[in-house]
Amino acid sequence: MTLKKLNVEKVVKAIETDAGESLEGLRESLAQAKAGVFAEIHTPQLIASRQRGRPPGTAKATTKEPVKIRLDADVIAALRATGDGWQTRINETLRASLHLAGRV
């Protein structure tokens, strides 16, 4: 059976009728399955076998190059105040600026 054609409401009604009660999260779970989002099963053995770092095969195609740059203290403070990911946002801001200037 292809899940794209799944009628979530019909399946929910059948399952809840069989169970004799309303089941919390059932609609959301079926909608995720229909959309192709499947949960990964985590057993104690799998958790214990995990190693530090990213799983193999998840490395990004392009790597970033570390550089040293000197910026004014107020600029750094403002960027850090935006929360985690501020360095990524600096990269995005520089890329957008270069794109506007026609250099990227």
N, C-alpha and C. Protein backbone atom coordinates (compact mmCIF):
# COMPACT_ATOMS: atom_id res chain seq x y z
N MET A 1 0.84 -1.19 0.00
CA MET A 1 0.00 0.00 0.00
C MET A 1 0.88 1.25 0.00
N THR A 2 0.60 2.17 -0.86
CA THR A 2 1.34 3.43 -0.87
C THR A 2 0.70 4.39 0.12
N LEU A 3 1.53 5.00 0.93
CA LEU A 3 1.03 5.87 1.99
C LEU A 3 0.54 7.20 1.47
N LYS A 4 0.92 7.58 0.26
CA LYS A 4 0.47 8.85 -0.30
C LYS A 4 -1.04 8.88 -0.49
N LYS A 5 -1.63 7.73 -0.69
CA LYS A 5 -3.08 7.64 -0.89
C LYS A 5 -3.82 7.34 0.41
N LEU A 6 -3.11 7.30 1.52
CA LEU A 6 -3.69 6.97 2.81
C LEU A 6 -4.70 8.02 3.24
N ASN A 7 -5.90 7.59 3.59
CA ASN A 7 -6.92 8.49 4.14
C ASN A 7 -6.75 8.45 5.65
N VAL A 8 -6.07 9.45 6.19
CA VAL A 8 -5.73 9.48 7.60
C VAL A 8 -6.98 9.39 8.47
N GLU A 9 -8.02 10.12 8.14
CA GLU A 9 -9.23 10.13 8.98
C GLU A 9 -9.90 8.75 9.03
N LYS A 10 -9.93 8.05 7.90
CA LYS A 10 -10.52 6.71 7.89
C LYS A 10 -9.73 5.74 8.77
N VAL A 11 -8.40 5.83 8.66
CA VAL A 11 -7.55 4.94 9.45
C VAL A 11 -7.67 5.26 10.93
N VAL A 12 -7.68 6.56 11.28
CA VAL A 12 -7.83 6.97 12.67
C VAL A 12 -9.15 6.45 13.23
N LYS A 13 -10.22 6.61 12.47
CA LYS A 13 -11.54 6.16 12.92
C LYS A 13 -11.54 4.66 13.17
N ALA A 14 -10.94 3.89 12.26
CA ALA A 14 -10.90 2.43 12.40
C ALA A 14 -10.09 2.02 13.62
N ILE A 15 -8.94 2.63 13.81
CA ILE A 15 -8.07 2.27 14.93
C ILE A 15 -8.72 2.65 16.26
N GLU A 16 -9.27 3.86 16.33
CA GLU A 16 -9.88 4.30 17.58
C GLU A 16 -11.17 3.53 17.89
N THR A 17 -11.89 3.12 16.87
CA THR A 17 -13.07 2.27 17.08
C THR A 17 -12.64 0.92 17.66
N ASP A 18 -11.60 0.36 17.11
CA ASP A 18 -11.08 -0.92 17.58
C ASP A 18 -10.54 -0.80 19.00
N ALA A 19 -9.87 0.32 19.29
CA ALA A 19 -9.29 0.51 20.62
C ALA A 19 -10.34 0.89 21.65
N GLY A 20 -11.44 1.45 21.19
CA GLY A 20 -12.50 1.85 22.10
C GLY A 20 -12.23 3.18 22.79
N GLU A 21 -11.23 3.89 22.32
CA GLU A 21 -10.91 5.20 22.91
C GLU A 21 -10.14 6.04 21.92
N SER A 22 -10.09 7.35 22.21
CA SER A 22 -9.32 8.26 21.38
C SER A 22 -7.85 8.12 21.74
N LEU A 23 -6.98 8.04 20.74
CA LEU A 23 -5.55 7.86 20.96
C LEU A 23 -4.79 9.14 20.63
N GLU A 24 -4.14 9.70 21.64
CA GLU A 24 -3.42 10.96 21.49
C GLU A 24 -2.24 10.79 20.53
N GLY A 25 -2.09 11.73 19.60
CA GLY A 25 -0.97 11.73 18.69
C GLY A 25 -1.12 10.83 17.47
N LEU A 26 -2.22 10.10 17.38
CA LEU A 26 -2.41 9.16 16.28
C LEU A 26 -2.49 9.88 14.94
N ARG A 27 -3.29 10.94 14.87
CA ARG A 27 -3.43 11.69 13.60
C ARG A 27 -2.08 12.24 13.15
N GLU A 28 -1.34 12.82 14.09
CA GLU A 28 -0.05 13.41 13.75
C GLU A 28 0.92 12.34 13.25
N SER A 29 0.93 11.20 13.92
CA SER A 29 1.83 10.12 13.51
C SER A 29 1.50 9.60 12.12
N LEU A 30 0.22 9.43 11.85
CA LEU A 30 -0.20 8.95 10.53
C LEU A 30 0.08 10.00 9.46
N ALA A 31 -0.09 11.28 9.79
CA ALA A 31 0.21 12.34 8.83
C ALA A 31 1.70 12.37 8.51
N GLN A 32 2.54 12.15 9.52
CA GLN A 32 3.98 12.09 9.29
C GLN A 32 4.33 10.90 8.40
N ALA A 33 3.72 9.75 8.67
CA ALA A 33 3.99 8.56 7.85
C ALA A 33 3.57 8.81 6.40
N LYS A 34 2.42 9.46 6.24
CA LYS A 34 1.94 9.76 4.89
C LYS A 34 2.90 10.71 4.17
N ALA A 35 3.50 11.64 4.92
CA ALA A 35 4.44 12.60 4.34
C ALA A 35 5.82 11.99 4.12
N GLY A 36 6.03 10.77 4.59
CA GLY A 36 7.32 10.12 4.38
C GLY A 36 8.31 10.34 5.50
N VAL A 37 7.83 10.86 6.62
CA VAL A 37 8.70 11.09 7.78
C VAL A 37 8.52 9.91 8.72
N PHE A 38 9.54 9.10 8.83
CA PHE A 38 9.45 7.91 9.66
C PHE A 38 10.40 8.04 10.84
N ALA A 39 9.94 7.62 11.99
CA ALA A 39 10.78 7.68 13.19
C ALA A 39 11.81 6.55 13.14
N GLU A 40 12.94 6.83 13.74
CA GLU A 40 13.99 5.83 13.83
C GLU A 40 13.84 5.12 15.17
N ILE A 41 14.00 3.82 15.19
CA ILE A 41 13.89 3.06 16.42
C ILE A 41 15.21 3.13 17.17
N HIS A 42 15.12 3.49 18.45
CA HIS A 42 16.32 3.61 19.28
C HIS A 42 16.26 2.57 20.38
N THR A 43 17.12 1.59 20.29
CA THR A 43 17.21 0.58 21.33
C THR A 43 18.39 0.92 22.23
N PRO A 44 18.43 0.40 23.45
CA PRO A 44 19.58 0.65 24.32
C PRO A 44 20.90 0.24 23.66
N GLN A 45 20.88 -0.84 22.88
CA GLN A 45 22.11 -1.30 22.22
C GLN A 45 22.57 -0.29 21.16
N LEU A 46 21.63 0.27 20.39
CA LEU A 46 21.99 1.26 19.38
C LEU A 46 22.52 2.53 20.02
N ILE A 47 21.90 2.95 21.10
CA ILE A 47 22.35 4.15 21.79
C ILE A 47 23.75 3.95 22.34
N ALA A 48 24.00 2.79 22.95
CA ALA A 48 25.32 2.51 23.53
C ALA A 48 26.40 2.41 22.45
N SER A 49 26.03 1.99 21.24
CA SER A 49 27.03 1.80 20.19
C SER A 49 27.37 3.09 19.45
N ARG A 50 26.65 4.16 19.74
CA ARG A 50 26.93 5.43 19.06
C ARG A 50 28.30 5.96 19.45
N GLN A 51 28.91 6.62 18.49
CA GLN A 51 30.20 7.23 18.75
C GLN A 51 30.06 8.74 18.64
N ARG A 52 31.06 9.43 19.14
CA ARG A 52 31.03 10.88 19.10
C ARG A 52 31.10 11.38 17.67
N GLY A 53 30.59 12.56 17.46
CA GLY A 53 30.67 13.19 16.15
C GLY A 53 29.46 12.88 15.29
N ARG A 54 29.51 13.35 14.09
CA ARG A 54 28.41 13.13 13.14
C ARG A 54 28.44 11.70 12.63
N PRO A 55 27.26 11.15 12.34
CA PRO A 55 27.23 9.81 11.76
C PRO A 55 27.91 9.79 10.41
N PRO A 56 28.51 8.67 10.03
CA PRO A 56 29.18 8.57 8.72
C PRO A 56 28.21 8.88 7.59
N GLY A 57 28.71 9.57 6.59
CA GLY A 57 27.88 9.87 5.42
C GLY A 57 27.06 11.14 5.56
N THR A 58 27.18 11.86 6.68
CA THR A 58 26.40 13.07 6.84
C THR A 58 27.24 14.34 6.66
N ALA A 59 28.49 14.17 6.25
CA ALA A 59 29.36 15.33 6.05
C ALA A 59 28.83 16.18 4.91
N LYS A 60 28.94 17.47 5.08
CA LYS A 60 28.48 18.40 4.05
C LYS A 60 29.43 18.35 2.86
N ALA A 61 28.89 18.61 1.68
CA ALA A 61 29.68 18.56 0.46
C ALA A 61 30.74 19.66 0.46
N THR A 62 30.39 20.83 0.96
CA THR A 62 31.36 21.92 1.00
C THR A 62 31.80 22.12 2.44
N THR A 63 33.07 22.26 2.63
CA THR A 63 33.58 22.49 3.97
C THR A 63 33.94 23.97 4.10
N LYS A 64 33.86 24.45 5.31
CA LYS A 64 34.20 25.84 5.57
C LYS A 64 35.65 25.92 5.99
N GLU A 65 36.25 27.03 5.66
CA GLU A 65 37.66 27.23 5.96
C GLU A 65 37.79 28.17 7.16
N PRO A 66 38.48 27.73 8.21
CA PRO A 66 38.63 28.60 9.38
C PRO A 66 39.55 29.78 9.06
N VAL A 67 39.14 30.96 9.50
CA VAL A 67 39.96 32.17 9.30
C VAL A 67 39.94 33.00 10.58
N LYS A 68 40.93 33.85 10.71
CA LYS A 68 40.94 34.82 11.81
C LYS A 68 40.56 36.16 11.22
N ILE A 69 39.66 36.84 11.90
CA ILE A 69 39.24 38.16 11.42
C ILE A 69 39.09 39.06 12.64
N ARG A 70 39.49 40.30 12.49
CA ARG A 70 39.39 41.25 13.59
C ARG A 70 38.19 42.16 13.33
N LEU A 71 37.25 42.14 14.26
CA LEU A 71 36.05 42.97 14.14
C LEU A 71 35.93 43.86 15.37
N ASP A 72 35.20 44.95 15.24
CA ASP A 72 34.98 45.85 16.37
C ASP A 72 34.17 45.13 17.45
N ALA A 73 34.44 45.49 18.70
CA ALA A 73 33.80 44.82 19.84
C ALA A 73 32.28 44.97 19.80
N ASP A 74 31.78 46.15 19.38
CA ASP A 74 30.33 46.34 19.36
C ASP A 74 29.66 45.47 18.29
N VAL A 75 30.37 45.24 17.18
CA VAL A 75 29.84 44.38 16.11
C VAL A 75 29.74 42.93 16.62
N ILE A 76 30.81 42.46 17.24
CA ILE A 76 30.81 41.09 17.78
C ILE A 76 29.73 40.94 18.84
N ALA A 77 29.60 41.92 19.73
CA ALA A 77 28.60 41.85 20.79
C ALA A 77 27.19 41.77 20.21
N ALA A 78 26.94 42.57 19.17
CA ALA A 78 25.61 42.55 18.54
C ALA A 78 25.34 41.21 17.87
N LEU A 79 26.34 40.65 17.22
CA LEU A 79 26.16 39.35 16.55
C LEU A 79 25.96 38.23 17.56
N ARG A 80 26.78 38.21 18.61
CA ARG A 80 26.64 37.17 19.63
C ARG A 80 25.30 37.27 20.36
N ALA A 81 24.77 38.47 20.48
CA ALA A 81 23.49 38.67 21.15
C ALA A 81 22.33 38.04 20.40
N THR A 82 22.55 37.71 19.13
CA THR A 82 21.47 37.07 18.35
C THR A 82 21.33 35.59 18.68
N GLY A 83 22.24 35.06 19.51
CA GLY A 83 22.12 33.67 19.97
C GLY A 83 22.99 32.71 19.19
N ASP A 84 22.77 31.43 19.48
CA ASP A 84 23.55 30.38 18.82
C ASP A 84 23.40 30.49 17.30
N GLY A 85 24.46 30.16 16.61
CA GLY A 85 24.45 30.21 15.15
C GLY A 85 24.89 31.56 14.60
N TRP A 86 25.42 32.41 15.47
CA TRP A 86 25.79 33.75 15.02
C TRP A 86 26.89 33.73 13.98
N GLN A 87 27.80 32.75 14.06
CA GLN A 87 28.87 32.68 13.06
C GLN A 87 28.31 32.30 11.69
N THR A 88 27.33 31.42 11.68
CA THR A 88 26.67 31.05 10.42
C THR A 88 25.96 32.26 9.84
N ARG A 89 25.32 33.05 10.71
CA ARG A 89 24.64 34.25 10.22
C ARG A 89 25.63 35.27 9.66
N ILE A 90 26.82 35.36 10.22
CA ILE A 90 27.85 36.24 9.65
C ILE A 90 28.16 35.79 8.23
N ASN A 91 28.35 34.50 8.04
CA ASN A 91 28.64 33.95 6.72
C ASN A 91 27.52 34.29 5.74
N GLU A 92 26.27 34.11 6.17
CA GLU A 92 25.12 34.39 5.30
C GLU A 92 25.05 35.88 4.95
N THR A 93 25.35 36.73 5.93
CA THR A 93 25.32 38.18 5.70
C THR A 93 26.41 38.59 4.71
N LEU A 94 27.61 38.05 4.88
CA LEU A 94 28.69 38.35 3.95
C LEU A 94 28.37 37.85 2.54
N ARG A 95 27.81 36.66 2.46
CA ARG A 95 27.44 36.09 1.15
C ARG A 95 26.40 36.98 0.46
N ALA A 96 25.38 37.42 1.22
CA ALA A 96 24.35 38.29 0.64
C ALA A 96 24.94 39.61 0.17
N SER A 97 25.86 40.17 0.94
CA SER A 97 26.51 41.42 0.56
C SER A 97 27.32 41.24 -0.73
N LEU A 98 28.08 40.16 -0.81
CA LEU A 98 28.86 39.88 -2.02
C LEU A 98 27.96 39.63 -3.23
N HIS A 99 26.83 38.97 -2.98
CA HIS A 99 25.89 38.70 -4.07
C HIS A 99 25.33 40.02 -4.62
N LEU A 100 24.98 40.94 -3.70
CA LEU A 100 24.48 42.24 -4.13
C LEU A 100 25.52 43.03 -4.91
N ALA A 101 26.79 42.85 -4.53
CA ALA A 101 27.86 43.55 -5.22
C ALA A 101 28.26 42.85 -6.52
N GLY A 102 27.64 41.69 -6.81
CA GLY A 102 27.92 40.97 -8.03
C GLY A 102 29.24 40.21 -8.01
N ARG A 103 29.72 39.87 -6.82
CA ARG A 103 31.00 39.19 -6.71
C ARG A 103 30.87 37.70 -6.42
N VAL A 104 29.67 37.25 -6.15
CA VAL A 104 29.46 35.81 -5.90
C VAL A 104 28.33 35.35 -6.80
